[in-house]
């Protein structure tokens, strides 16, 4: 009887350890994703590979040309010009998810940005930033299971996502927070 109990206990320990090893293996193989896995099209239809931004701090922002926050383009451009040579880039994604405030075509958006704000930072193809047709980039930015930081919802135009030099999401900034806010500038400089 004593030997049987030892055998049963030994089998129990073996199975328990095997279960722990399997979950440990699962945890190891579930690697946090980065922005570098994505390739998108810019406003002119050319492929933009996020992997080309390795080693840079990145701000991703959803934009709109008919929004009360549209003047943020001016501050975004100023921020980009000041810090681009120091390893910082802004990537804009026009989106028409909020009150139809980005109805234009890619060509119209590009012309608007250049004419009104002299935008030189990379601007991508118009995408959806919420809902069932949400772009894969925004699925990554808004889902903790993909970005490893937090779940978030794009609340309005000009919401900002900050990514570190490893392509990892580190902070979500509210739409009304200006691009030149000390929180953002200090992060870029840090």
C-alpha atoms as a PDB file:
ATOM      1  CA  UNK A   1       0.000   0.000   0.000  1.00  0.00           C
ATOM      2  CA  UNK A   2       2.841   2.352   0.899  1.00  0.00           C
ATOM      3  CA  UNK A   3       4.486   1.707  -2.488  1.00  0.00           C
ATOM      4  CA  UNK A   4       1.193   2.342  -4.267  1.00  0.00           C
ATOM      5  CA  UNK A   5       0.788   5.704  -2.503  1.00  0.00           C
ATOM      6  CA  UNK A   6       4.360   6.659  -3.418  1.00  0.00           C
ATOM      7  CA  UNK A   7       3.696   5.667  -7.035  1.00  0.00           C
ATOM      8  CA  UNK A   8       0.427   7.664  -7.184  1.00  0.00           C
ATOM      9  CA  UNK A   9       2.085  10.672  -5.553  1.00  0.00           C
ATOM     10  CA  UNK A  10       5.025  10.396  -7.988  1.00  0.00           C
ATOM     11  CA  UNK A  11       2.681  10.270 -10.999  1.00  0.00           C
ATOM     12  CA  UNK A  12       0.762  13.275  -9.632  1.00  0.00           C
ATOM     13  CA  UNK A  13       3.986  15.277  -9.250  1.00  0.00           C
ATOM     14  CA  UNK A  14       5.116  14.267 -12.743  1.00  0.00           C
ATOM     15  CA  UNK A  15       1.831  15.404 -14.340  1.00  0.00           C
ATOM     16  CA  UNK A  16       1.777  18.605 -12.323  1.00  0.00           C
ATOM     17  CA  UNK A  17       5.350  19.436 -13.372  1.00  0.00           C
ATOM     18  CA  UNK A  18       4.547  18.631 -16.986  1.00  0.00           C
ATOM     19  CA  UNK A  19       1.561  21.009 -16.862  1.00  0.00           C
ATOM     20  CA  UNK A  20       3.747  23.772 -15.430  1.00  0.00           C
ATOM     21  CA  UNK A  21       6.377  23.189 -18.104  1.00  0.00           C
ATOM     22  CA  UNK A  22       3.771  23.425 -20.835  1.00  0.00           C
ATOM     23  CA  UNK A  23       2.440  26.733 -19.499  1.00  0.00           C
ATOM     24  CA  UNK A  24       5.994  28.039 -19.114  1.00  0.00           C
ATOM     25  CA  UNK A  25       6.686  27.109 -22.733  1.00  0.00           C
ATOM     26  CA  UNK A  26       3.498  28.868 -23.805  1.00  0.00           C
ATOM     27  CA  UNK A  27       4.521  32.023 -21.941  1.00  0.00           C
ATOM     28  CA  UNK A  28       7.969  31.990 -23.544  1.00  0.00           C
ATOM     29  CA  UNK A  29       6.621  31.538 -27.068  1.00  0.00           C
ATOM     30  CA  UNK A  30       4.008  34.302 -26.665  1.00  0.00           C
ATOM     31  CA  UNK A  31       6.305  37.112 -27.680  1.00  0.00           C
ATOM     32  CA  UNK A  32       5.198  40.723 -27.413  1.00  0.00           C
ATOM     33  CA  UNK A  33       4.641  42.185 -30.869  1.00  0.00           C
ATOM     34  CA  UNK A  34       6.226  45.394 -32.121  1.00  0.00           C
ATOM     35  CA  UNK A  35       5.300  47.995 -34.702  1.00  0.00           C
ATOM     36  CA  UNK A  36       8.127  46.693 -36.922  1.00  0.00           C
ATOM     37  CA  UNK A  37       6.000  43.805 -38.196  1.00  0.00           C
ATOM     38  CA  UNK A  38       3.781  46.180 -40.198  1.00  0.00           C
ATOM     39  CA  UNK A  39       3.994  47.408 -43.753  1.00  0.00           C
ATOM     40  CA  UNK A  40       1.395  49.930 -44.908  1.00  0.00           C
ATOM     41  CA  UNK A  41       0.896  52.261 -47.860  1.00  0.00           C
ATOM     42  CA  UNK A  42       1.570  55.963 -47.669  1.00  0.00           C
ATOM     43  CA  UNK A  43      -0.652  58.637 -49.228  1.00  0.00           C
ATOM     44  CA  UNK A  44       1.059  58.199 -52.604  1.00  0.00           C
ATOM     45  CA  UNK A  45       0.571  54.424 -52.609  1.00  0.00           C
ATOM     46  CA  UNK A  46       4.192  53.504 -51.816  1.00  0.00           C
ATOM     47  CA  UNK A  47       4.963  50.790 -49.275  1.00  0.00           C
ATOM     48  CA  UNK A  48       6.056  52.098 -45.872  1.00  0.00           C
ATOM     49  CA  UNK A  49       7.869  49.496 -43.771  1.00  0.00           C
ATOM     50  CA  UNK A  50       7.877  50.272 -40.039  1.00  0.00           C
ATOM     51  CA  UNK A  51      11.014  48.118 -39.714  1.00  0.00           C
ATOM     52  CA  UNK A  52      12.925  51.033 -41.302  1.00  0.00           C
ATOM     53  CA  UNK A  53      12.248  52.991 -38.084  1.00  0.00           C
ATOM     54  CA  UNK A  54      14.186  50.628 -35.782  1.00  0.00           C
ATOM     55  CA  UNK A  55      16.104  52.622 -33.184  1.00  0.00           C
ATOM     56  CA  UNK A  56      13.795  55.662 -33.409  1.00  0.00           C
ATOM     57  CA  UNK A  57      11.101  56.931 -31.090  1.00  0.00           C
ATOM     58  CA  UNK A  58       7.779  56.989 -32.931  1.00  0.00           C
ATOM     59  CA  UNK A  59       4.545  58.906 -32.477  1.00  0.00           C
ATOM     60  CA  UNK A  60       1.569  57.497 -34.373  1.00  0.00           C
ATOM     61  CA  UNK A  61      -1.385  59.859 -34.667  1.00  0.00           C
ATOM     62  CA  UNK A  62      -4.750  59.566 -36.389  1.00  0.00           C
ATOM     63  CA  UNK A  63      -5.513  62.780 -38.252  1.00  0.00           C
ATOM     64  CA  UNK A  64      -8.436  64.587 -39.859  1.00  0.00           C
ATOM     65  CA  UNK A  65      -8.590  67.771 -41.931  1.00  0.00           C
ATOM     66  CA  UNK A  66     -12.030  69.034 -40.846  1.00  0.00           C
ATOM     67  CA  UNK A  67     -11.715  68.726 -37.073  1.00  0.00           C
ATOM     68  CA  UNK A  68     -11.444  71.334 -34.348  1.00  0.00           C
ATOM     69  CA  UNK A  69      -8.116  69.689 -33.475  1.00  0.00           C
ATOM     70  CA  UNK A  70      -6.761  69.944 -37.046  1.00  0.00           C
ATOM     71  CA  UNK A  71      -4.474  72.885 -36.111  1.00  0.00           C
ATOM     72  CA  UNK A  72      -2.401  70.294 -34.220  1.00  0.00           C
ATOM     73  CA  UNK A  73      -0.825  69.566 -37.616  1.00  0.00           C
ATOM     74  CA  UNK A  74       1.193  72.769 -37.140  1.00  0.00           C
ATOM     75  CA  UNK A  75       2.594  71.618 -33.787  1.00  0.00           C
ATOM     76  CA  UNK A  76       3.149  68.078 -35.055  1.00  0.00           C
ATOM     77  CA  UNK A  77       5.229  69.436 -37.931  1.00  0.00           C
ATOM     78  CA  UNK A  78       7.221  71.744 -35.629  1.00  0.00           C
ATOM     79  CA  UNK A  79       7.916  68.830 -33.278  1.00  0.00           C
ATOM     80  CA  UNK A  80       8.966  66.619 -36.179  1.00  0.00           C
ATOM     81  CA  UNK A  81      11.320  69.249 -37.608  1.00  0.00           C
ATOM     82  CA  UNK A  82      12.919  69.872 -34.225  1.00  0.00           C
ATOM     83  CA  UNK A  83      13.518  66.236 -33.250  1.00  0.00           C
ATOM     84  CA  UNK A  84      13.711  64.245 -36.516  1.00  0.00           C
ATOM     85  CA  UNK A  85      17.506  64.513 -36.563  1.00  0.00           C
ATOM     86  CA  UNK A  86      17.567  63.200 -32.976  1.00  0.00           C
ATOM     87  CA  UNK A  87      15.875  59.885 -33.764  1.00  0.00           C
ATOM     88  CA  UNK A  88      12.180  60.832 -33.591  1.00  0.00           C
ATOM     89  CA  UNK A  89       9.519  60.340 -36.250  1.00  0.00           C
ATOM     90  CA  UNK A  90       5.796  61.050 -36.494  1.00  0.00           C
ATOM     91  CA  UNK A  91       3.585  58.812 -38.610  1.00  0.00           C
ATOM     92  CA  UNK A  92       0.141  60.149 -39.464  1.00  0.00           C
ATOM     93  CA  UNK A  93      -2.870  58.008 -40.314  1.00  0.00           C
ATOM     94  CA  UNK A  94      -5.821  59.949 -41.743  1.00  0.00           C
ATOM     95  CA  UNK A  95      -9.088  58.423 -40.559  1.00  0.00           C
ATOM     96  CA  UNK A  96     -12.737  59.230 -41.160  1.00  0.00           C
ATOM     97  CA  UNK A  97     -14.098  57.511 -38.028  1.00  0.00           C
ATOM     98  CA  UNK A  98     -15.264  60.613 -36.176  1.00  0.00           C
ATOM     99  CA  UNK A  99     -18.142  62.724 -37.504  1.00  0.00           C
ATOM    100  CA  UNK A 100     -16.938  62.336 -41.099  1.00  0.00           C
ATOM    101  CA  UNK A 101     -14.094  64.793 -40.489  1.00  0.00           C
ATOM    102  CA  UNK A 102     -11.705  63.229 -43.024  1.00  0.00           C
ATOM    103  CA  UNK A 103     -13.828  62.733 -46.147  1.00  0.00           C
ATOM    104  CA  UNK A 104     -11.072  63.431 -48.694  1.00  0.00           C
ATOM    105  CA  UNK A 105      -9.154  61.114 -50.968  1.00  0.00           C
ATOM    106  CA  UNK A 106      -5.482  60.411 -50.322  1.00  0.00           C
ATOM    107  CA  UNK A 107      -4.571  63.041 -52.933  1.00  0.00           C
ATOM    108  CA  UNK A 108      -6.841  65.650 -51.332  1.00  0.00           C
ATOM    109  CA  UNK A 109      -5.453  64.866 -47.876  1.00  0.00           C
ATOM    110  CA  UNK A 110      -1.858  65.164 -49.092  1.00  0.00           C
ATOM    111  CA  UNK A 111      -2.591  68.512 -50.770  1.00  0.00           C
ATOM    112  CA  UNK A 112      -4.398  69.825 -47.681  1.00  0.00           C
ATOM    113  CA  UNK A 113      -1.568  68.846 -45.333  1.00  0.00           C
ATOM    114  CA  UNK A 114       1.109  70.371 -47.539  1.00  0.00           C
ATOM    115  CA  UNK A 115      -0.757  73.556 -48.459  1.00  0.00           C
ATOM    116  CA  UNK A 116      -2.090  74.392 -44.993  1.00  0.00           C
ATOM    117  CA  UNK A 117       0.572  73.036 -42.649  1.00  0.00           C
ATOM    118  CA  UNK A 118       3.655  72.177 -44.730  1.00  0.00           C
ATOM    119  CA  UNK A 119       3.567  68.618 -43.398  1.00  0.00           C
ATOM    120  CA  UNK A 120       6.769  66.684 -44.127  1.00  0.00           C
ATOM    121  CA  UNK A 121       6.393  63.797 -41.675  1.00  0.00           C
ATOM    122  CA  UNK A 122       5.207  60.495 -43.179  1.00  0.00           C
ATOM    123  CA  UNK A 123       1.474  60.343 -43.865  1.00  0.00           C
ATOM    124  CA  UNK A 124      -0.123  56.972 -44.536  1.00  0.00           C
ATOM    125  CA  UNK A 125      -3.107  55.818 -46.538  1.00  0.00           C
ATOM    126  CA  UNK A 126      -6.465  56.643 -44.962  1.00  0.00           C
ATOM    127  CA  UNK A 127      -7.491  53.850 -42.555  1.00  0.00           C
ATOM    128  CA  UNK A 128     -10.124  52.970 -39.998  1.00  0.00           C
ATOM    129  CA  UNK A 129      -8.944  53.318 -36.389  1.00  0.00           C
ATOM    130  CA  UNK A 130     -11.925  51.648 -34.724  1.00  0.00           C
ATOM    131  CA  UNK A 131     -14.732  49.224 -35.435  1.00  0.00           C
ATOM    132  CA  UNK A 132     -14.799  45.979 -37.352  1.00  0.00           C
ATOM    133  CA  UNK A 133     -12.683  47.362 -40.211  1.00  0.00           C
ATOM    134  CA  UNK A 134      -9.936  48.661 -37.876  1.00  0.00           C
ATOM    135  CA  UNK A 135      -6.511  48.583 -39.528  1.00  0.00           C
ATOM    136  CA  UNK A 136      -4.016  45.983 -38.262  1.00  0.00           C
ATOM    137  CA  UNK A 137      -1.718  48.769 -37.012  1.00  0.00           C
ATOM    138  CA  UNK A 138      -4.500  50.139 -34.816  1.00  0.00           C
ATOM    139  CA  UNK A 139      -5.451  46.648 -33.647  1.00  0.00           C
ATOM    140  CA  UNK A 140      -1.860  46.384 -32.399  1.00  0.00           C
ATOM    141  CA  UNK A 141      -1.962  49.843 -30.791  1.00  0.00           C
ATOM    142  CA  UNK A 142      -5.287  49.300 -28.996  1.00  0.00           C
ATOM    143  CA  UNK A 143      -5.104  45.663 -27.826  1.00  0.00           C
ATOM    144  CA  UNK A 144      -2.993  44.686 -24.814  1.00  0.00           C
ATOM    145  CA  UNK A 145      -2.820  41.114 -26.106  1.00  0.00           C
ATOM    146  CA  UNK A 146      -0.839  42.487 -29.060  1.00  0.00           C
ATOM    147  CA  UNK A 147       1.031  45.512 -27.662  1.00  0.00           C
ATOM    148  CA  UNK A 148       1.785  44.160 -24.191  1.00  0.00           C
ATOM    149  CA  UNK A 149       0.995  47.485 -22.473  1.00  0.00           C
ATOM    150  CA  UNK A 150      -2.715  48.220 -22.328  1.00  0.00           C
ATOM    151  CA  UNK A 151      -6.068  48.103 -24.029  1.00  0.00           C
ATOM    152  CA  UNK A 152      -7.207  51.481 -25.307  1.00  0.00           C
ATOM    153  CA  UNK A 153      -9.832  52.977 -27.540  1.00  0.00           C
ATOM    154  CA  UNK A 154      -9.201  55.720 -30.059  1.00  0.00           C
ATOM    155  CA  UNK A 155     -11.438  58.415 -28.581  1.00  0.00           C
ATOM    156  CA  UNK A 156     -11.182  61.069 -31.327  1.00  0.00           C
ATOM    157  CA  UNK A 157      -8.940  62.490 -34.020  1.00  0.00           C
ATOM    158  CA  UNK A 158      -5.331  63.273 -33.033  1.00  0.00           C
ATOM    159  CA  UNK A 159      -4.948  60.576 -30.379  1.00  0.00           C
ATOM    160  CA  UNK A 160      -1.238  59.868 -30.022  1.00  0.00           C
ATOM    161  CA  UNK A 161       0.567  56.573 -29.480  1.00  0.00           C
ATOM    162  CA  UNK A 162       4.209  56.718 -28.372  1.00  0.00           C
ATOM    163  CA  UNK A 163       6.546  53.845 -29.189  1.00  0.00           C
ATOM    164  CA  UNK A 164      10.105  53.399 -27.959  1.00  0.00           C
ATOM    165  CA  UNK A 165      13.252  52.628 -29.964  1.00  0.00           C
ATOM    166  CA  UNK A 166      12.401  48.912 -29.824  1.00  0.00           C
ATOM    167  CA  UNK A 167       9.018  49.454 -31.513  1.00  0.00           C
ATOM    168  CA  UNK A 168       7.100  48.836 -28.289  1.00  0.00           C
ATOM    169  CA  UNK A 169       4.072  50.860 -27.233  1.00  0.00           C
ATOM    170  CA  UNK A 170       4.904  52.853 -24.096  1.00  0.00           C
ATOM    171  CA  UNK A 171       2.203  55.524 -23.776  1.00  0.00           C
ATOM    172  CA  UNK A 172      -1.204  56.611 -25.084  1.00  0.00           C
ATOM    173  CA  UNK A 173      -1.858  60.373 -25.209  1.00  0.00           C
ATOM    174  CA  UNK A 174      -5.353  61.898 -25.353  1.00  0.00           C
ATOM    175  CA  UNK A 175      -6.473  63.729 -28.516  1.00  0.00           C
ATOM    176  CA  UNK A 176      -6.696  67.180 -26.901  1.00  0.00           C
ATOM    177  CA  UNK A 177      -3.169  66.964 -25.470  1.00  0.00           C
ATOM    178  CA  UNK A 178      -1.034  69.140 -27.734  1.00  0.00           C
ATOM    179  CA  UNK A 179       1.948  67.553 -29.468  1.00  0.00           C
ATOM    180  CA  UNK A 180       4.245  70.067 -27.737  1.00  0.00           C
ATOM    181  CA  UNK A 181       2.974  69.180 -24.247  1.00  0.00           C
ATOM    182  CA  UNK A 182       5.882  68.708 -21.783  1.00  0.00           C
ATOM    183  CA  UNK A 183       4.857  65.075 -21.232  1.00  0.00           C
ATOM    184  CA  UNK A 184       5.541  64.336 -24.915  1.00  0.00           C
ATOM    185  CA  UNK A 185       8.614  66.577 -25.314  1.00  0.00           C
ATOM    186  CA  UNK A 186      10.230  65.151 -22.164  1.00  0.00           C
ATOM    187  CA  UNK A 187       9.589  61.624 -23.442  1.00  0.00           C
ATOM    188  CA  UNK A 188      11.249  62.450 -26.772  1.00  0.00           C
ATOM    189  CA  UNK A 189      14.263  63.977 -25.027  1.00  0.00           C
ATOM    190  CA  UNK A 190      14.523  61.193 -22.418  1.00  0.00           C
END
